[in-house]
Amino acid sequence: MLDLLHRLLYKLPNNPRHSAELDDYRANFARAVKFSGACGFRVPDFPWREGKMTADEGDTLEQALHIAGVTDVSRSAFQCLKWCHYLAPYVEERLRRSVQVTLGQLWRGEQPVFAPSWQDIRSWARRGLSVQNICDEGRTGINLHAWLTVDTGEIIELTLLSSLAVALPAKFSGYKGGIVWGDPAAIFSDYRYYPMAVGQEFAGALDKRNELALIARTPEELHRYSQVLVLQAG
């Protein structure tokens, strides 16, 4: 009863207007957890831990990909939601840390690259994402980015480098298949991350319509996607 009352009284946060509003990642992540709960999705407890990921954990991350059946990370280009949702449990198990798939905005400088509103994400969670959603915005891909948040306060970026390598090969071709992790404010000098929704359940709900093949359950399904996603998703 109290949970239902909380959901009924919940007020959506304001959408960010300036990059300065992206500064406090942990506070923004806590807001994303609250939002996800208000939408009716379970988010496991996620206490922050001291310290940072180490180089050895980078090797462990590669082991997680191997166990998950991933042989070519470069094929993650434009499939951020699918790859993060699929790999989060494997990464969490191998790192022995809490890891959560995280959905939200990606900014470059003062301009958002992917900028769904809180209203957008809540609607998608209720109804699923569709081709019509993409067409209505006049885009060729989903207006959303996904990554993994680790309990150290760091993030793991699984797909952006491969996406940039395909979209801008003259500048980024050497980074194809790359995975990076670190402080979300410093992982890339020009890019900033704004978490809005958290958890496997929330991410999976966006695939209700299933017409975009947004979720994978096998390694083979990781590489199966609709052509509408090729230019701009993740």
C-alpha atoms as a PDB file:
ATOM      1  CA  MET A   1       0.000   0.000   0.000  1.00  0.00           C
ATOM      2  CA  LEU A   2       2.784   2.417   0.931  1.00  0.00           C
ATOM      3  CA  ASP A   3       4.646   1.520  -2.262  1.00  0.00           C
ATOM      4  CA  LEU A   4       1.550   2.249  -4.357  1.00  0.00           C
ATOM      5  CA  LEU A   5       1.028   5.552  -2.542  1.00  0.00           C
ATOM      6  CA  HIS A   6       4.647   6.501  -3.178  1.00  0.00           C
ATOM      7  CA  ARG A   7       4.236   5.803  -6.890  1.00  0.00           C
ATOM      8  CA  LEU A   8       1.013   7.827  -7.095  1.00  0.00           C
ATOM      9  CA  LEU A   9       2.563  10.840  -5.345  1.00  0.00           C
ATOM     10  CA  TYR A  10       5.885  10.689  -7.157  1.00  0.00           C
ATOM     11  CA  LYS A  11       6.782  13.828  -9.123  1.00  0.00           C
ATOM     12  CA  LEU A  12       9.108  13.588 -12.109  1.00  0.00           C
ATOM     13  CA  PRO A  13      12.428  15.440 -11.777  1.00  0.00           C
ATOM     14  CA  ASN A  14      13.233  18.394 -13.996  1.00  0.00           C
ATOM     15  CA  ASN A  15      15.082  17.619 -17.213  1.00  0.00           C
ATOM     16  CA  PRO A  16      18.688  18.909 -17.224  1.00  0.00           C
ATOM     17  CA  ARG A  17      19.302  22.088 -19.202  1.00  0.00           C
ATOM     18  CA  HIS A  18      23.019  22.634 -18.643  1.00  0.00           C
ATOM     19  CA  SER A  19      26.025  20.352 -18.323  1.00  0.00           C
ATOM     20  CA  ALA A  20      26.623  21.627 -14.773  1.00  0.00           C
ATOM     21  CA  GLU A  21      23.554  19.651 -13.690  1.00  0.00           C
ATOM     22  CA  LEU A  22      25.443  16.459 -14.601  1.00  0.00           C
ATOM     23  CA  ASP A  23      28.295  17.065 -12.131  1.00  0.00           C
ATOM     24  CA  ASP A  24      27.236  14.901  -9.157  1.00  0.00           C
ATOM     25  CA  TYR A  25      26.967  11.415 -10.662  1.00  0.00           C
ATOM     26  CA  ARG A  26      26.138   9.632  -7.405  1.00  0.00           C
ATOM     27  CA  ALA A  27      23.327  12.050  -6.553  1.00  0.00           C
ATOM     28  CA  ASN A  28      21.944  11.721 -10.069  1.00  0.00           C
ATOM     29  CA  PHE A  29      22.216   7.927  -9.847  1.00  0.00           C
ATOM     30  CA  ALA A  30      20.268   7.950  -6.558  1.00  0.00           C
ATOM     31  CA  ARG A  31      17.558   9.984  -8.292  1.00  0.00           C
ATOM     32  CA  ALA A  32      17.511   7.431 -11.128  1.00  0.00           C
ATOM     33  CA  VAL A  33      17.046   4.596  -8.610  1.00  0.00           C
ATOM     34  CA  LYS A  34      14.137   6.454  -7.006  1.00  0.00           C
ATOM     35  CA  PHE A  35      12.571   7.089 -10.409  1.00  0.00           C
ATOM     36  CA  SER A  36      12.918   3.414 -11.384  1.00  0.00           C
ATOM     37  CA  GLY A  37      11.189   2.352  -8.165  1.00  0.00           C
ATOM     38  CA  ALA A  38       8.401   4.866  -8.714  1.00  0.00           C
ATOM     39  CA  CYS A  39       7.859   3.308 -12.152  1.00  0.00           C
ATOM     40  CA  GLY A  40       7.317  -0.051 -10.451  1.00  0.00           C
ATOM     41  CA  PHE A  41      10.685  -1.717 -11.088  1.00  0.00           C
ATOM     42  CA  ARG A  42      12.883  -3.423  -8.530  1.00  0.00           C
ATOM     43  CA  VAL A  43      16.416  -2.109  -8.153  1.00  0.00           C
ATOM     44  CA  PRO A  44      18.713  -4.151  -5.867  1.00  0.00           C
ATOM     45  CA  ASP A  45      20.465  -2.378  -3.008  1.00  0.00           C
ATOM     46  CA  PHE A  46      23.485  -0.553  -4.343  1.00  0.00           C
ATOM     47  CA  PRO A  47      25.778   0.703  -1.545  1.00  0.00           C
ATOM     48  CA  TRP A  48      28.784   2.684  -2.733  1.00  0.00           C
ATOM     49  CA  ARG A  49      32.211   1.253  -1.915  1.00  0.00           C
ATOM     50  CA  GLU A  50      35.548   2.947  -1.395  1.00  0.00           C
ATOM     51  CA  GLY A  51      38.377   2.524  -3.879  1.00  0.00           C
ATOM     52  CA  LYS A  52      38.565   2.244  -7.640  1.00  0.00           C
ATOM     53  CA  MET A  53      38.655  -0.569 -10.160  1.00  0.00           C
ATOM     54  CA  THR A  54      42.167  -1.853 -10.825  1.00  0.00           C
ATOM     55  CA  ALA A  55      44.030  -2.993 -13.917  1.00  0.00           C
ATOM     56  CA  ASP A  56      43.555  -6.585 -12.727  1.00  0.00           C
ATOM     57  CA  GLU A  57      39.814  -6.024 -12.775  1.00  0.00           C
ATOM     58  CA  GLY A  58      40.190  -4.940 -16.381  1.00  0.00           C
ATOM     59  CA  ASP A  59      41.516  -8.427 -17.087  1.00  0.00           C
ATOM     60  CA  THR A  60      38.565  -9.845 -15.141  1.00  0.00           C
ATOM     61  CA  LEU A  61      36.239  -7.818 -17.331  1.00  0.00           C
ATOM     62  CA  GLU A  62      37.707  -9.530 -20.388  1.00  0.00           C
ATOM     63  CA  GLN A  63      37.080 -12.891 -18.707  1.00  0.00           C
ATOM     64  CA  ALA A  64      33.443 -11.906 -18.167  1.00  0.00           C
ATOM     65  CA  LEU A  65      33.038 -11.183 -21.870  1.00  0.00           C
ATOM     66  CA  HIS A  66      34.563 -14.546 -22.739  1.00  0.00           C
ATOM     67  CA  ILE A  67      32.232 -16.393 -20.366  1.00  0.00           C
ATOM     68  CA  ALA A  68      29.275 -14.492 -21.854  1.00  0.00           C
ATOM     69  CA  GLY A  69      30.230 -15.786 -25.299  1.00  0.00           C
ATOM     70  CA  VAL A  70      31.443 -12.454 -26.682  1.00  0.00           C
ATOM     71  CA  THR A  71      34.219 -12.812 -29.242  1.00  0.00           C
ATOM     72  CA  ASP A  72      34.074  -9.477 -31.072  1.00  0.00           C
ATOM     73  CA  VAL A  73      33.327  -6.368 -29.005  1.00  0.00           C
ATOM     74  CA  SER A  74      33.398  -4.177 -32.115  1.00  0.00           C
ATOM     75  CA  ARG A  75      29.997  -5.602 -33.030  1.00  0.00           C
ATOM     76  CA  SER A  76      28.524  -3.746 -30.065  1.00  0.00           C
ATOM     77  CA  ALA A  77      28.385  -0.543 -32.139  1.00  0.00           C
ATOM     78  CA  PHE A  78      24.960   1.137 -31.935  1.00  0.00           C
ATOM     79  CA  GLN A  79      23.598  -1.522 -29.541  1.00  0.00           C
ATOM     80  CA  CYS A  80      24.291  -0.017 -26.118  1.00  0.00           C
ATOM     81  CA  LEU A  81      21.054  -1.137 -24.433  1.00  0.00           C
ATOM     82  CA  LYS A  82      21.275  -4.714 -25.667  1.00  0.00           C
ATOM     83  CA  TRP A  83      24.927  -5.217 -24.744  1.00  0.00           C
ATOM     84  CA  CYS A  84      24.679  -3.580 -21.324  1.00  0.00           C
ATOM     85  CA  HIS A  85      21.537  -5.525 -20.390  1.00  0.00           C
ATOM     86  CA  TYR A  86      23.038  -8.818 -21.535  1.00  0.00           C
ATOM     87  CA  LEU A  87      26.502  -8.374 -20.014  1.00  0.00           C
ATOM     88  CA  ALA A  88      25.669  -6.759 -16.661  1.00  0.00           C
ATOM     89  CA  PRO A  89      25.116 -10.074 -14.782  1.00  0.00           C
ATOM     90  CA  TYR A  90      28.325 -11.582 -16.188  1.00  0.00           C
ATOM     91  CA  VAL A  91      30.378  -8.505 -15.316  1.00  0.00           C
ATOM     92  CA  GLU A  92      28.901  -8.368 -11.817  1.00  0.00           C
ATOM     93  CA  GLU A  93      29.645 -12.032 -11.157  1.00  0.00           C
ATOM     94  CA  ARG A  94      33.248 -11.878 -12.328  1.00  0.00           C
ATOM     95  CA  LEU A  95      34.112  -8.545 -10.704  1.00  0.00           C
ATOM     96  CA  ARG A  96      32.378  -9.545  -7.466  1.00  0.00           C
ATOM     97  CA  ARG A  97      31.057  -6.028  -7.282  1.00  0.00           C
ATOM     98  CA  SER A  98      27.570  -4.597  -7.623  1.00  0.00           C
ATOM     99  CA  VAL A  99      27.006  -3.571 -11.239  1.00  0.00           C
ATOM    100  CA  GLN A 100      23.841  -2.002 -12.639  1.00  0.00           C
ATOM    101  CA  VAL A 101      22.785  -1.353 -16.216  1.00  0.00           C
ATOM    102  CA  THR A 102      22.097   2.381 -16.387  1.00  0.00           C
ATOM    103  CA  LEU A 103      20.019   4.335 -18.907  1.00  0.00           C
ATOM    104  CA  GLY A 104      20.039   8.047 -19.525  1.00  0.00           C
ATOM    105  CA  GLN A 105      21.557  10.973 -21.340  1.00  0.00           C
ATOM    106  CA  LEU A 106      24.981  11.432 -22.913  1.00  0.00           C
ATOM    107  CA  TRP A 107      26.296  14.968 -23.391  1.00  0.00           C
ATOM    108  CA  ARG A 108      29.247  16.294 -25.357  1.00  0.00           C
ATOM    109  CA  GLY A 109      30.235  19.646 -23.942  1.00  0.00           C
ATOM    110  CA  GLU A 110      27.092  21.743 -23.601  1.00  0.00           C
ATOM    111  CA  GLN A 111      25.134  19.708 -26.139  1.00  0.00           C
ATOM    112  CA  PRO A 112      23.254  16.461 -25.438  1.00  0.00           C
ATOM    113  CA  VAL A 113      23.998  13.665 -27.892  1.00  0.00           C
ATOM    114  CA  PHE A 114      21.240  11.469 -26.507  1.00  0.00           C
ATOM    115  CA  ALA A 115      18.684  13.324 -24.407  1.00  0.00           C
ATOM    116  CA  PRO A 116      15.487  11.458 -23.535  1.00  0.00           C
ATOM    117  CA  SER A 117      13.237  13.303 -21.106  1.00  0.00           C
ATOM    118  CA  TRP A 118      11.995  11.748 -17.877  1.00  0.00           C
ATOM    119  CA  GLN A 119       8.566  11.635 -19.528  1.00  0.00           C
ATOM    120  CA  ASP A 120      10.008   9.732 -22.507  1.00  0.00           C
ATOM    121  CA  ILE A 121      11.652   7.070 -20.394  1.00  0.00           C
ATOM    122  CA  ARG A 122       8.603   6.556 -18.205  1.00  0.00           C
ATOM    123  CA  SER A 123       6.408   6.173 -21.291  1.00  0.00           C
ATOM    124  CA  TRP A 124       8.842   3.699 -22.884  1.00  0.00           C
ATOM    125  CA  ALA A 125       8.935   1.632 -19.693  1.00  0.00           C
ATOM    126  CA  ARG A 126       5.138   1.392 -19.729  1.00  0.00           C
ATOM    127  CA  ARG A 127       4.613   0.708 -23.419  1.00  0.00           C
ATOM    128  CA  GLY A 128       7.975  -0.393 -24.805  1.00  0.00           C
ATOM    129  CA  LEU A 129      10.051   1.323 -27.457  1.00  0.00           C
ATOM    130  CA  SER A 130       8.789   1.226 -31.024  1.00  0.00           C
ATOM    131  CA  VAL A 131       9.867   2.251 -34.502  1.00  0.00           C
ATOM    132  CA  GLN A 132       7.167   4.903 -34.278  1.00  0.00           C
ATOM    133  CA  ASN A 133       8.910   6.496 -31.299  1.00  0.00           C
ATOM    134  CA  ILE A 134      12.035   6.895 -33.408  1.00  0.00           C
ATOM    135  CA  CYS A 135      10.176   8.213 -36.460  1.00  0.00           C
ATOM    136  CA  ASP A 136       8.220  10.731 -34.356  1.00  0.00           C
ATOM    137  CA  GLU A 137      11.512  12.302 -33.269  1.00  0.00           C
ATOM    138  CA  GLY A 138      12.875  12.348 -36.815  1.00  0.00           C
ATOM    139  CA  ARG A 139      15.863  10.239 -35.769  1.00  0.00           C
ATOM    140  CA  THR A 140      17.470   7.134 -37.235  1.00  0.00           C
ATOM    141  CA  GLY A 141      18.178   5.566 -33.829  1.00  0.00           C
ATOM    142  CA  ILE A 142      16.980   5.515 -30.254  1.00  0.00           C
ATOM    143  CA  ASN A 143      17.344   8.754 -28.307  1.00  0.00           C
ATOM    144  CA  LEU A 144      18.941   6.960 -25.352  1.00  0.00           C
ATOM    145  CA  HIS A 145      22.322   5.782 -24.104  1.00  0.00           C
ATOM    146  CA  ALA A 146      23.159   2.868 -21.803  1.00  0.00           C
ATOM    147  CA  TRP A 147      26.236   1.945 -19.769  1.00  0.00           C
ATOM    148  CA  LEU A 148      27.158   0.043 -16.594  1.00  0.00           C
ATOM    149  CA  THR A 149      27.559   1.659 -13.182  1.00  0.00           C
ATOM    150  CA  VAL A 150      29.913  -0.015 -10.686  1.00  0.00           C
ATOM    151  CA  ASP A 151      29.629   0.316  -6.899  1.00  0.00           C
ATOM    152  CA  THR A 152      32.901   2.289  -6.855  1.00  0.00           C
ATOM    153  CA  GLY A 153      31.047   5.186  -8.501  1.00  0.00           C
ATOM    154  CA  GLU A 154      32.789   4.435 -11.789  1.00  0.00           C
ATOM    155  CA  ILE A 155      31.174   3.430 -15.060  1.00  0.00           C
ATOM    156  CA  ILE A 156      32.006   0.845 -17.709  1.00  0.00           C
ATOM    157  CA  GLU A 157      31.466   2.075 -21.265  1.00  0.00           C
ATOM    158  CA  LEU A 158      30.942  -0.970 -23.480  1.00  0.00           C
ATOM    159  CA  THR A 159      29.841   0.449 -26.821  1.00  0.00           C
ATOM    160  CA  LEU A 160      30.623   4.110 -27.418  1.00  0.00           C
ATOM    161  CA  LEU A 161      34.119   3.627 -28.850  1.00  0.00           C
ATOM    162  CA  SER A 162      32.890   1.042 -31.353  1.00  0.00           C
ATOM    163  CA  SER A 163      30.005   3.301 -32.334  1.00  0.00           C
ATOM    164  CA  LEU A 164      32.337   6.245 -32.874  1.00  0.00           C
ATOM    165  CA  ALA A 165      34.710   4.042 -34.883  1.00  0.00           C
ATOM    166  CA  VAL A 166      31.898   3.198 -37.297  1.00  0.00           C
ATOM    167  CA  ALA A 167      30.370   6.685 -37.422  1.00  0.00           C
ATOM    168  CA  LEU A 168      33.681   8.589 -37.652  1.00  0.00           C
ATOM    169  CA  PRO A 169      36.283   6.118 -38.938  1.00  0.00           C
ATOM    170  CA  ALA A 170      38.834   8.767 -39.926  1.00  0.00           C
ATOM    171  CA  LYS A 171      39.142   9.832 -36.297  1.00  0.00           C
ATOM    172  CA  PHE A 172      38.196   6.785 -34.228  1.00  0.00           C
ATOM    173  CA  SER A 173      38.846   3.653 -36.293  1.00  0.00           C
ATOM    174  CA  GLY A 174      41.707   2.660 -33.998  1.00  0.00           C
ATOM    175  CA  TYR A 175      39.329   2.459 -31.038  1.00  0.00           C
ATOM    176  CA  LYS A 176      36.985  -0.101 -32.580  1.00  0.00           C
ATOM    177  CA  GLY A 177      36.224  -2.840 -30.062  1.00  0.00           C
ATOM    178  CA  GLY A 178      37.488  -0.755 -27.159  1.00  0.00           C
ATOM    179  CA  ILE A 179      36.006  -0.858 -23.660  1.00  0.00           C
ATOM    180  CA  VAL A 180      36.853   1.765 -21.046  1.00  0.00           C
ATOM    181  CA  TRP A 181      36.005   2.370 -17.400  1.00  0.00           C
ATOM    182  CA  GLY A 182      36.585   5.081 -14.834  1.00  0.00           C
ATOM    183  CA  ASP A 183      35.152   8.249 -13.325  1.00  0.00           C
ATOM    184  CA  PRO A 184      32.052   9.222 -15.355  1.00  0.00           C
ATOM    185  CA  ALA A 185      33.164  12.875 -15.384  1.00  0.00           C
ATOM    186  CA  ALA A 186      36.591  12.052 -16.766  1.00  0.00           C
ATOM    187  CA  ILE A 187      36.307   8.817 -18.745  1.00  0.00           C
ATOM    188  CA  PHE A 188      36.166  10.924 -21.939  1.00  0.00           C
ATOM    189  CA  SER A 189      37.269  14.547 -21.826  1.00  0.00           C
ATOM    190  CA  ASP A 190      34.269  15.896 -23.746  1.00  0.00           C
ATOM    191  CA  TYR A 191      31.497  13.485 -22.711  1.00  0.00           C
ATOM    192  CA  ARG A 192      29.316  13.474 -19.583  1.00  0.00           C
ATOM    193  CA  TYR A 193      26.813  10.906 -18.335  1.00  0.00           C
ATOM    194  CA  TYR A 194      23.411  11.589 -16.751  1.00  0.00           C
ATOM    195  CA  PRO A 195      21.744   8.475 -15.255  1.00  0.00           C
ATOM    196  CA  MET A 196      17.946   8.418 -15.344  1.00  0.00           C
ATOM    197  CA  ALA A 197      16.859   4.764 -14.939  1.00  0.00           C
ATOM    198  CA  VAL A 198      18.551   1.757 -13.387  1.00  0.00           C
ATOM    199  CA  GLY A 199      18.310  -2.034 -13.431  1.00  0.00           C
ATOM    200  CA  GLN A 200      17.749  -5.128 -15.512  1.00  0.00           C
ATOM    201  CA  GLU A 201      13.976  -5.014 -15.058  1.00  0.00           C
ATOM    202  CA  PHE A 202      13.684  -1.439 -16.293  1.00  0.00           C
ATOM    203  CA  ALA A 203      15.953  -2.046 -19.291  1.00  0.00           C
ATOM    204  CA  GLY A 204      14.062  -5.204 -20.206  1.00  0.00           C
ATOM    205  CA  ALA A 205      10.722  -3.386 -20.113  1.00  0.00           C
ATOM    206  CA  LEU A 206      11.757  -1.230 -23.079  1.00  0.00           C
ATOM    207  CA  ASP A 207      11.652  -4.379 -25.216  1.00  0.00           C
ATOM    208  CA  LYS A 208       7.924  -5.015 -24.658  1.00  0.00           C
ATOM    209  CA  ARG A 209       7.088  -4.617 -28.346  1.00  0.00           C
ATOM    210  CA  ASN A 210      10.137  -6.642 -29.433  1.00  0.00           C
ATOM    211  CA  GLU A 211      10.065  -5.159 -32.941  1.00  0.00           C
ATOM    212  CA  LEU A 212      13.498  -3.557 -32.442  1.00  0.00           C
ATOM    213  CA  ALA A 213      15.259  -6.580 -30.897  1.00  0.00           C
ATOM    214  CA  LEU A 214      16.544  -4.458 -28.011  1.00  0.00           C
ATOM    215  CA  ILE A 215      17.342  -7.352 -25.648  1.00  0.00           C
ATOM    216  CA  ALA A 216      19.563 -10.399 -26.131  1.00  0.00           C
ATOM    217  CA  ARG A 217      19.379 -13.701 -24.292  1.00  0.00           C
ATOM    218  CA  THR A 218      22.122 -15.501 -26.213  1.00  0.00           C
ATOM    219  CA  PRO A 219      25.446 -14.380 -27.744  1.00  0.00           C
ATOM    220  CA  GLU A 220      23.940 -14.836 -31.206  1.00  0.00           C
ATOM    221  CA  GLU A 221      21.144 -12.386 -30.410  1.00  0.00           C
ATOM    222  CA  LEU A 222      23.722  -9.732 -29.491  1.00  0.00           C
ATOM    223  CA  HIS A 223      24.427  -9.293 -33.194  1.00  0.00           C
ATOM    224  CA  ARG A 224      20.831  -9.257 -34.358  1.00  0.00           C
ATOM    225  CA  TYR A 225      19.357  -5.781 -34.787  1.00  0.00           C
ATOM    226  CA  SER A 226      16.966  -3.752 -36.888  1.00  0.00           C
ATOM    227  CA  GLN A 227      18.436  -1.518 -39.603  1.00  0.00           C
ATOM    228  CA  VAL A 228      16.684   1.491 -38.093  1.00  0.00           C
ATOM    229  CA  LEU A 229      19.244   1.376 -35.257  1.00  0.00           C
ATOM    230  CA  VAL A 230      22.349   1.482 -37.392  1.00  0.00           C
ATOM    231  CA  LEU A 231      23.122   5.198 -37.428  1.00  0.00           C
ATOM    232  CA  GLN A 232      22.517   6.556 -33.951  1.00  0.00           C
ATOM    233  CA  ALA A 233      21.672   4.096 -31.192  1.00  0.00           C
ATOM    234  CA  GLY A 234      24.220   3.835 -28.358  1.00  0.00           C
END
